[in-house]
């Protein structure tokens, strides 16, 4: 995936007001090589530990809104802190990482950087953060409000039942009833049933 090096002075435009100085400190103090990538379908950010002759490396998707960008960057910094303390001896998103992420996240929450709805969602899971913001429906729902307008893009839960929608890759589905926490949807071409998260982003038709 093509990557763009991020001059630290330009990084400010990707971050919420009031967060740049603290982010800059962490990046410089821990010798982090930061890159900003184009949108990646499977991940929002990535961390690679330092090697001889190479600094720690973090990448973050550049298409994220400012709050999602900061949360993703803090997520990856927590991986760095965990690696510095434990190396490869612990699970990637285990108790040690959760502790590091909670600590750095709490530091930024105290600065009133986030809007009230995002802050509430973050506080809700502060003691047991999800391995990805994509796995936290309340947080995803709050962050979605601050995305730039995307023509035809909605959360699945926003569509009426029986609506047709398209997902990445061009597959078309018909929205069905909600079963516990997910929606039962039928792929139009094959007739097969699939379960979708309420906060899955889809193209309306």
Protein backbone atom coordinates (compact mmCIF):
# COMPACT_ATOMS: atom_id res chain seq x y z
CA UNK A 1 0.00 0.00 0.00
CA UNK A 2 1.53 3.37 -0.95
CA UNK A 3 2.57 5.40 2.05
CA UNK A 4 3.34 9.06 2.55
CA UNK A 5 5.89 10.25 5.08
CA UNK A 6 4.30 12.72 7.48
CA UNK A 7 6.37 15.82 8.26
CA UNK A 8 5.56 16.45 11.89
CA UNK A 9 4.48 20.04 11.28
CA UNK A 10 1.86 18.77 8.80
CA UNK A 11 0.64 16.17 11.27
CA UNK A 12 -1.25 18.91 13.08
CA UNK A 13 -3.85 19.02 10.31
CA UNK A 14 -4.78 15.37 11.01
CA UNK A 15 -5.31 15.85 14.75
CA UNK A 16 -7.97 17.46 16.96
CA UNK A 17 -7.20 20.84 18.41
CA UNK A 18 -5.24 20.59 21.64
CA UNK A 19 -3.59 17.24 20.96
CA UNK A 20 -0.63 18.05 18.70
CA UNK A 21 1.96 19.01 21.33
CA UNK A 22 1.43 15.85 23.36
CA UNK A 23 1.43 13.62 20.28
CA UNK A 24 4.62 15.31 19.08
CA UNK A 25 6.28 14.61 22.42
CA UNK A 26 5.50 10.89 22.25
CA UNK A 27 6.69 10.56 18.66
CA UNK A 28 9.96 12.38 19.28
CA UNK A 29 10.67 10.91 22.72
CA UNK A 30 10.19 7.34 21.48
CA UNK A 31 11.82 7.93 18.08
CA UNK A 32 8.78 6.94 16.04
CA UNK A 33 8.80 6.98 12.24
CA UNK A 34 5.22 7.87 11.37
CA UNK A 35 3.63 7.32 7.97
CA UNK A 36 0.14 8.20 6.82
CA UNK A 37 -1.37 5.72 4.41
CA UNK A 38 -4.24 5.67 1.99
CA UNK A 39 -7.37 3.90 3.17
CA UNK A 40 -6.82 0.24 4.02
CA UNK A 41 -9.83 -2.05 4.18
CA UNK A 42 -8.67 -4.37 6.94
CA UNK A 43 -6.79 -2.09 9.37
CA UNK A 44 -6.82 1.52 10.55
CA UNK A 45 -3.25 1.58 11.83
CA UNK A 46 -0.16 -0.55 12.28
CA UNK A 47 2.88 -0.79 14.59
CA UNK A 48 6.31 -2.28 13.86
CA UNK A 49 8.91 -2.41 16.63
CA UNK A 50 12.35 -0.92 16.29
CA UNK A 51 15.14 -2.94 14.63
CA UNK A 52 18.87 -2.28 14.47
CA UNK A 53 19.24 0.87 12.42
CA UNK A 54 15.48 1.47 12.27
CA UNK A 55 13.14 3.37 14.58
CA UNK A 56 9.74 2.25 15.78
CA UNK A 57 7.29 2.53 12.88
CA UNK A 58 3.64 3.47 13.06
CA UNK A 59 1.23 3.96 10.19
CA UNK A 60 -2.27 5.42 10.36
CA UNK A 61 -4.90 5.68 7.62
CA UNK A 62 -5.08 9.27 6.41
CA UNK A 63 -8.78 9.14 5.51
CA UNK A 64 -9.90 8.97 9.16
CA UNK A 65 -11.57 11.93 10.81
CA UNK A 66 -9.42 13.75 13.37
CA UNK A 67 -10.81 11.98 16.40
CA UNK A 68 -10.53 8.52 14.82
CA UNK A 69 -7.00 9.37 13.68
CA UNK A 70 -5.93 10.30 17.22
CA UNK A 71 -7.54 7.23 18.80
CA UNK A 72 -5.85 4.97 16.22
CA UNK A 73 -2.48 6.64 16.81
CA UNK A 74 -2.83 6.21 20.58
CA UNK A 75 -3.77 2.56 19.98
CA UNK A 76 -0.51 2.01 18.09
CA UNK A 77 1.56 3.96 20.64
CA UNK A 78 0.18 1.61 23.29
CA UNK A 79 1.65 -1.27 21.27
CA UNK A 80 5.02 0.50 21.36
CA UNK A 81 4.86 0.98 25.14
CA UNK A 82 3.86 -2.65 25.60
CA UNK A 83 6.71 -3.87 23.42
CA UNK A 84 9.23 -1.72 25.29
CA UNK A 85 8.17 -3.32 28.56
CA UNK A 86 7.44 -6.91 27.56
CA UNK A 87 8.87 -7.55 24.10
CA UNK A 88 7.11 -10.48 22.40
CA UNK A 89 6.25 -12.18 25.70
CA UNK A 90 2.62 -11.01 25.81
CA UNK A 91 -0.43 -11.14 23.53
CA UNK A 92 -0.85 -8.29 21.06
CA UNK A 93 -4.09 -7.06 22.64
CA UNK A 94 -3.79 -8.72 26.01
CA UNK A 95 -3.99 -7.32 29.53
CA UNK A 96 -0.67 -5.49 29.21
CA UNK A 97 -1.69 -3.66 26.03
CA UNK A 98 -5.12 -2.82 27.47
CA UNK A 99 -3.42 -1.27 30.48
CA UNK A 100 -1.07 0.86 28.35
CA UNK A 101 -3.86 1.99 26.03
CA UNK A 102 -6.11 2.89 28.95
CA UNK A 103 -3.37 4.99 30.53
CA UNK A 104 -2.50 7.02 27.45
CA UNK A 105 -6.16 7.38 26.51
CA UNK A 106 -7.00 8.66 29.99
CA UNK A 107 -4.28 11.30 29.62
CA UNK A 108 -5.97 12.70 26.52
CA UNK A 109 -9.48 12.37 27.93
CA UNK A 110 -8.49 14.72 30.76
CA UNK A 111 -7.71 17.43 28.19
CA UNK A 112 -11.29 17.69 26.87
CA UNK A 113 -10.15 17.08 23.30
CA UNK A 114 -13.03 14.81 22.34
CA UNK A 115 -16.69 15.79 21.83
CA UNK A 116 -19.04 14.61 24.59
CA UNK A 117 -20.44 11.61 22.67
CA UNK A 118 -17.01 10.25 21.74
CA UNK A 119 -15.70 10.88 25.24
CA UNK A 120 -18.65 8.99 26.74
CA UNK A 121 -18.01 6.01 24.46
CA UNK A 122 -14.29 6.00 25.33
CA UNK A 123 -14.94 6.26 29.06
CA UNK A 124 -17.37 3.35 28.85
CA UNK A 125 -14.61 0.98 27.75
CA UNK A 126 -11.63 2.61 29.42
CA UNK A 127 -11.02 -0.32 31.76
CA UNK A 128 -11.33 -2.94 29.02
CA UNK A 129 -10.68 -1.35 25.61
CA UNK A 130 -11.52 -3.27 22.45
CA UNK A 131 -8.70 -4.58 20.28
CA UNK A 132 -9.99 -2.28 17.54
CA UNK A 133 -12.32 0.71 17.49
CA UNK A 134 -14.09 -1.26 14.74
CA UNK A 135 -15.11 -3.73 17.45
CA UNK A 136 -16.76 -1.08 19.63
CA UNK A 137 -20.19 -0.25 18.21
CA UNK A 138 -20.84 2.70 20.52
CA UNK A 139 -17.53 4.28 19.61
CA UNK A 140 -17.96 3.61 15.90
CA UNK A 141 -21.43 5.13 15.99
CA UNK A 142 -20.09 8.28 17.68
CA UNK A 143 -17.07 8.60 15.39
CA UNK A 144 -19.23 8.19 12.27
CA UNK A 145 -20.96 11.51 13.05
CA UNK A 146 -17.69 13.35 12.47
CA UNK A 147 -16.78 11.77 9.16
CA UNK A 148 -16.90 13.99 6.11
CA UNK A 149 -20.00 13.57 4.00
CA UNK A 150 -19.81 10.53 1.74
CA UNK A 151 -22.52 10.38 -0.90
CA UNK A 152 -24.63 7.26 -0.48
CA UNK A 153 -22.69 5.94 2.55
CA UNK A 154 -24.73 5.04 5.63
CA UNK A 155 -24.54 2.77 8.62
CA UNK A 156 -26.62 -0.34 8.01
CA UNK A 157 -28.83 0.41 11.01
CA UNK A 158 -29.88 3.67 9.35
CA UNK A 159 -31.55 1.88 6.42
CA UNK A 160 -35.19 0.71 6.44
CA UNK A 161 -35.82 -3.03 6.44
CA UNK A 162 -35.89 -4.59 2.95
CA UNK A 163 -33.51 -1.90 1.60
CA UNK A 164 -30.92 -2.94 -0.96
CA UNK A 165 -27.33 -2.01 -0.23
CA UNK A 166 -23.89 -2.59 -1.69
CA UNK A 167 -20.69 -3.40 0.18
CA UNK A 168 -17.05 -3.03 -0.85
CA UNK A 169 -16.39 -5.36 -3.76
CA UNK A 170 -19.76 -4.70 -5.38
CA UNK A 171 -21.85 -7.40 -3.69
CA UNK A 172 -25.51 -6.45 -3.21
CA UNK A 173 -27.66 -7.43 -0.23
CA UNK A 174 -31.19 -6.96 1.05
CA UNK A 175 -31.50 -5.89 4.68
CA UNK A 176 -33.59 -8.17 6.86
CA UNK A 177 -34.63 -8.35 10.50
CA UNK A 178 -32.34 -7.83 13.45
CA UNK A 179 -31.34 -10.99 15.27
CA UNK A 180 -29.93 -10.16 18.69
CA UNK A 181 -27.09 -7.76 17.84
CA UNK A 182 -26.81 -8.20 14.06
CA UNK A 183 -28.96 -7.85 10.96
CA UNK A 184 -29.81 -10.87 8.83
CA UNK A 185 -29.22 -9.91 5.18
CA UNK A 186 -29.64 -11.85 1.95
CA UNK A 187 -27.10 -11.63 -0.85
CA UNK A 188 -29.22 -10.89 -3.93
CA UNK A 189 -27.09 -12.89 -6.38
CA UNK A 190 -26.75 -16.09 -4.37
CA UNK A 191 -29.65 -16.01 -1.90
CA UNK A 192 -27.24 -16.78 0.94
CA UNK A 193 -27.80 -15.30 4.39
CA UNK A 194 -25.20 -13.18 6.17
CA UNK A 195 -25.12 -11.35 9.50
CA UNK A 196 -23.98 -7.72 9.53
CA UNK A 197 -23.08 -5.37 12.35
CA UNK A 198 -25.51 -2.44 12.74
CA UNK A 199 -22.61 -0.02 12.27
CA UNK A 200 -21.29 -1.59 9.05
CA UNK A 201 -20.84 1.12 6.42
CA UNK A 202 -22.76 0.40 3.22
CA UNK A 203 -23.63 2.09 -0.08
CA UNK A 204 -27.33 2.76 -0.54
CA UNK A 205 -29.00 1.94 -3.82
